[in-house]
Amino acid sequence: MSVAQFKRLKDSARRVIHFSIDGEPCTARAGDSVLSAMMLTGRLIRQSDIDAGFRAGFCLMGACQDCWVWLETGGRIRACTTPIEDGLSIKTNDPDFRT
């Protein structure tokens, strides 16, 4: 599902960062958090753990647990407090969750 959430007005001074979300190539700018980089793509962040709804971050400061995403290399991160990095491969669904 795609929903416009953020729009970068103008920013050409910072280095372009290449990353992927669920295998889809994306770009951001150096200094962006994972959450802002994901929201700038127009995508929702992840599906809720408890219902069919989607999550998009809530507190934006690492307190609410609403922006957890998983890395292809394993583990999970808080998207709102983690800086985006070149080559980061993000998964929006828990790879260990089995329905």
Protein backbone atom coordinates (compact mmCIF):
# COMPACT_ATOMS: atom_id res chain seq x y z
CA MET A 1 0.00 0.00 0.00
CA SER A 2 1.33 3.45 -0.86
CA VAL A 3 0.38 6.64 0.95
CA ALA A 4 2.14 9.97 0.51
CA GLN A 5 3.40 10.87 3.97
CA PHE A 6 6.40 13.17 3.62
CA LYS A 7 7.69 15.24 0.75
CA ARG A 8 11.25 16.53 0.54
CA LEU A 9 11.04 20.15 -0.55
CA LYS A 10 14.64 20.72 -1.63
CA ASP A 11 17.82 19.08 -0.53
CA SER A 12 20.63 18.55 -2.97
CA ALA A 13 23.58 19.23 -0.67
CA ARG A 14 23.56 15.93 1.24
CA ARG A 15 24.90 12.68 -0.22
CA VAL A 16 22.36 10.27 -1.76
CA ILE A 17 21.96 6.98 0.15
CA HIS A 18 20.76 3.81 -1.60
CA PHE A 19 18.77 1.24 0.39
CA SER A 20 15.87 -1.15 -0.16
CA ILE A 21 12.50 -1.85 1.44
CA ASP A 22 11.19 -5.39 0.90
CA GLY A 23 13.53 -5.71 -2.08
CA GLU A 24 12.43 -2.44 -3.72
CA PRO A 25 15.31 0.00 -4.38
CA CYS A 26 14.95 3.41 -2.67
CA THR A 27 17.02 6.52 -2.05
CA ALA A 28 17.37 8.91 0.87
CA ARG A 29 19.82 11.58 1.96
CA ALA A 30 22.69 11.26 4.43
CA GLY A 31 21.44 12.22 7.88
CA ASP A 32 17.89 10.91 7.38
CA SER A 33 16.56 8.43 9.91
CA VAL A 34 15.33 5.09 8.58
CA LEU A 35 11.78 6.20 9.43
CA SER A 36 11.97 9.49 7.52
CA ALA A 37 13.66 7.73 4.59
CA MET A 38 10.88 5.14 4.52
CA MET A 39 8.13 7.74 4.84
CA LEU A 40 9.63 9.78 1.99
CA THR A 41 9.10 6.77 -0.30
CA GLY A 42 5.33 7.14 0.24
CA ARG A 43 5.02 3.67 1.79
CA LEU A 44 3.45 2.69 5.05
CA ILE A 45 6.06 1.47 7.52
CA ARG A 46 4.79 -1.96 8.57
CA GLN A 47 1.72 -4.00 9.40
CA SER A 48 0.50 -4.01 12.98
CA ASP A 49 1.45 -6.96 15.19
CA ILE A 50 -2.06 -7.19 16.61
CA ASP A 51 -4.50 -6.42 13.79
CA ALA A 52 -4.77 -5.87 10.04
CA GLY A 53 -3.89 -2.18 10.30
CA PHE A 54 -0.68 -0.52 9.25
CA ARG A 55 1.77 1.42 11.40
CA ALA A 56 3.74 4.50 10.45
CA GLY A 57 5.59 5.50 13.59
CA PHE A 58 3.94 7.34 16.45
CA CYS A 59 6.22 9.12 18.90
CA LEU A 60 9.18 9.66 16.51
CA MET A 61 11.64 9.51 19.43
CA GLY A 62 12.11 5.80 20.24
CA ALA A 63 9.62 5.41 23.07
CA CYS A 64 6.50 3.81 21.57
CA GLN A 65 7.81 0.65 19.80
CA ASP A 66 5.60 1.48 16.79
CA CYS A 67 8.31 1.76 14.13
CA TRP A 68 10.21 -1.54 14.53
CA VAL A 69 11.41 -2.92 11.20
CA TRP A 70 13.65 -5.88 10.44
CA LEU A 71 16.93 -6.11 8.58
CA GLU A 72 17.62 -8.68 5.90
CA THR A 73 20.82 -9.48 7.78
CA GLY A 74 18.79 -10.31 10.89
CA GLY A 75 17.61 -8.41 13.91
CA ARG A 76 15.29 -5.47 14.16
CA ILE A 77 15.73 -1.74 14.60
CA ARG A 78 13.72 1.27 15.65
CA ALA A 79 13.32 3.14 12.40
CA CYS A 80 12.86 6.53 14.08
CA THR A 81 16.22 6.53 15.89
CA THR A 82 18.42 4.63 13.42
CA PRO A 83 20.31 6.60 10.75
CA ILE A 84 19.84 5.34 7.19
CA GLU A 85 22.94 3.71 5.67
CA ASP A 86 24.03 2.79 2.17
CA GLY A 87 23.04 -0.76 1.30
CA LEU A 88 20.59 -1.20 4.18
CA SER A 89 18.00 -3.85 3.29
CA ILE A 90 14.82 -3.34 5.32
CA LYS A 91 11.97 -5.81 5.77
CA THR A 92 8.58 -4.50 6.88
CA ASN A 93 7.34 -7.87 8.14
CA ASP A 94 8.88 -9.99 10.88
CA PRO A 95 10.69 -12.81 9.02
CA ASP A 96 10.21 -15.12 12.04
CA PHE A 97 6.46 -14.55 12.33
CA ARG A 98 4.43 -17.51 11.12
CA THR A 99 0.69 -17.27 10.55
